[in-house]
Amino acid sequence: MSGSTSISDKPPDLTGVPEEYHEFADVFSKSKVDELPEHRPYDLKIDLEEGATPPLGPIYSLSKVELDTLREYIEENLRSGFIRLY
């Protein structure tokens, strides 16, 4: 379908974004929000020792709303593959 535009093809609405940040418009792109950037030489990977278990400890206190938000964030990023369990 040439000539048609989808929501993801529209430039982001920069209303309320100071003009000096307009060059970074792709940061606000709805279509790029679900994609990881290309791999780069400085990608980070944490290798654990074979058979070792990371130390578990208590996290700081969270309100119910904060805890629900954290759980939602973790679940969403596990589904999308941004967080992976090994």
Protein backbone atom coordinates (compact mmCIF):
# COMPACT_ATOMS: atom_id res chain seq x y z
CA MET A 1 0.00 0.00 0.00
CA SER A 2 2.10 2.88 -1.13
CA GLY A 3 1.14 6.31 -0.01
CA SER A 4 -0.56 5.17 3.18
CA THR A 5 0.82 6.12 6.55
CA SER A 6 0.44 4.27 9.77
CA ILE A 7 0.57 5.73 13.23
CA SER A 8 4.17 4.57 13.57
CA ASP A 9 5.19 6.56 10.46
CA LYS A 10 3.98 9.87 11.87
CA PRO A 11 6.61 12.11 13.43
CA PRO A 12 6.27 12.41 17.20
CA ASP A 13 4.32 15.31 18.67
CA LEU A 14 6.96 17.65 20.05
CA THR A 15 4.49 20.06 21.63
CA GLY A 16 5.91 20.90 25.02
CA VAL A 17 9.41 19.68 24.10
CA PRO A 18 11.93 22.55 24.13
CA GLU A 19 13.24 23.33 20.65
CA GLU A 20 16.84 22.50 21.57
CA TYR A 21 15.73 18.86 22.03
CA HIS A 22 13.89 18.52 18.71
CA GLU A 23 16.98 16.96 17.10
CA PHE A 24 16.38 13.99 19.42
CA ALA A 25 12.81 13.49 18.18
CA ASP A 26 13.41 9.78 17.55
CA VAL A 27 13.58 9.31 21.33
CA PHE A 28 9.86 10.07 21.41
CA SER A 29 9.00 7.72 18.53
CA LYS A 30 6.06 5.40 19.27
CA SER A 31 7.39 2.81 16.80
CA LYS A 32 10.87 2.63 18.33
CA VAL A 33 9.74 2.24 21.93
CA ASP A 34 9.36 -1.54 21.54
CA GLU A 35 12.76 -2.09 19.92
CA LEU A 36 16.18 -2.40 21.45
CA PRO A 37 18.92 -0.36 19.77
CA GLU A 38 21.51 -2.02 17.53
CA HIS A 39 24.32 -3.86 19.32
CA ARG A 40 27.34 -1.69 20.01
CA PRO A 41 30.90 -2.36 21.19
CA TYR A 42 30.00 -1.18 24.69
CA ASP A 43 26.97 -3.46 25.23
CA LEU A 44 26.87 -4.74 28.80
CA LYS A 45 26.55 -8.37 29.75
CA ILE A 46 26.90 -9.66 33.28
CA ASP A 47 28.34 -13.17 33.36
CA LEU A 48 27.68 -15.07 36.58
CA GLU A 49 30.00 -17.72 37.96
CA GLU A 50 28.93 -21.22 36.94
CA GLY A 51 26.54 -22.60 39.55
CA ALA A 52 26.60 -19.42 41.63
CA THR A 53 23.38 -17.87 42.85
CA PRO A 54 23.19 -14.07 43.05
CA PRO A 55 22.80 -12.88 46.63
CA LEU A 56 19.22 -12.09 47.52
CA GLY A 57 18.35 -9.44 50.02
CA PRO A 58 15.41 -7.32 50.99
CA ILE A 59 14.50 -4.46 48.70
CA TYR A 60 13.56 -1.09 50.09
CA SER A 61 9.97 -0.58 51.16
CA LEU A 62 7.52 0.10 48.36
CA SER A 63 3.94 1.26 48.53
CA LYS A 64 1.31 -1.02 46.98
CA VAL A 65 1.13 1.27 43.94
CA GLU A 66 4.94 1.26 43.56
CA LEU A 67 5.13 -2.52 43.95
CA ASP A 68 2.33 -3.06 41.41
CA THR A 69 4.11 -0.70 39.00
CA LEU A 70 7.40 -2.56 39.48
CA ARG A 71 5.74 -5.94 38.87
CA GLU A 72 4.01 -4.62 35.75
CA TYR A 73 7.32 -3.22 34.45
CA ILE A 74 9.14 -6.52 35.05
CA GLU A 75 6.37 -8.63 33.47
CA GLU A 76 6.16 -6.35 30.43
CA ASN A 77 9.92 -6.41 29.89
CA LEU A 78 10.12 -10.18 30.36
CA ARG A 79 7.42 -10.59 27.68
CA SER A 80 9.19 -8.25 25.27
CA GLY A 81 12.57 -9.91 25.85
CA PHE A 82 14.24 -6.79 27.23
CA ILE A 83 14.80 -8.78 30.45
CA ARG A 84 15.85 -12.41 30.11
CA LEU A 85 16.24 -15.11 32.72
CA TYR A 86 18.99 -17.67 32.24
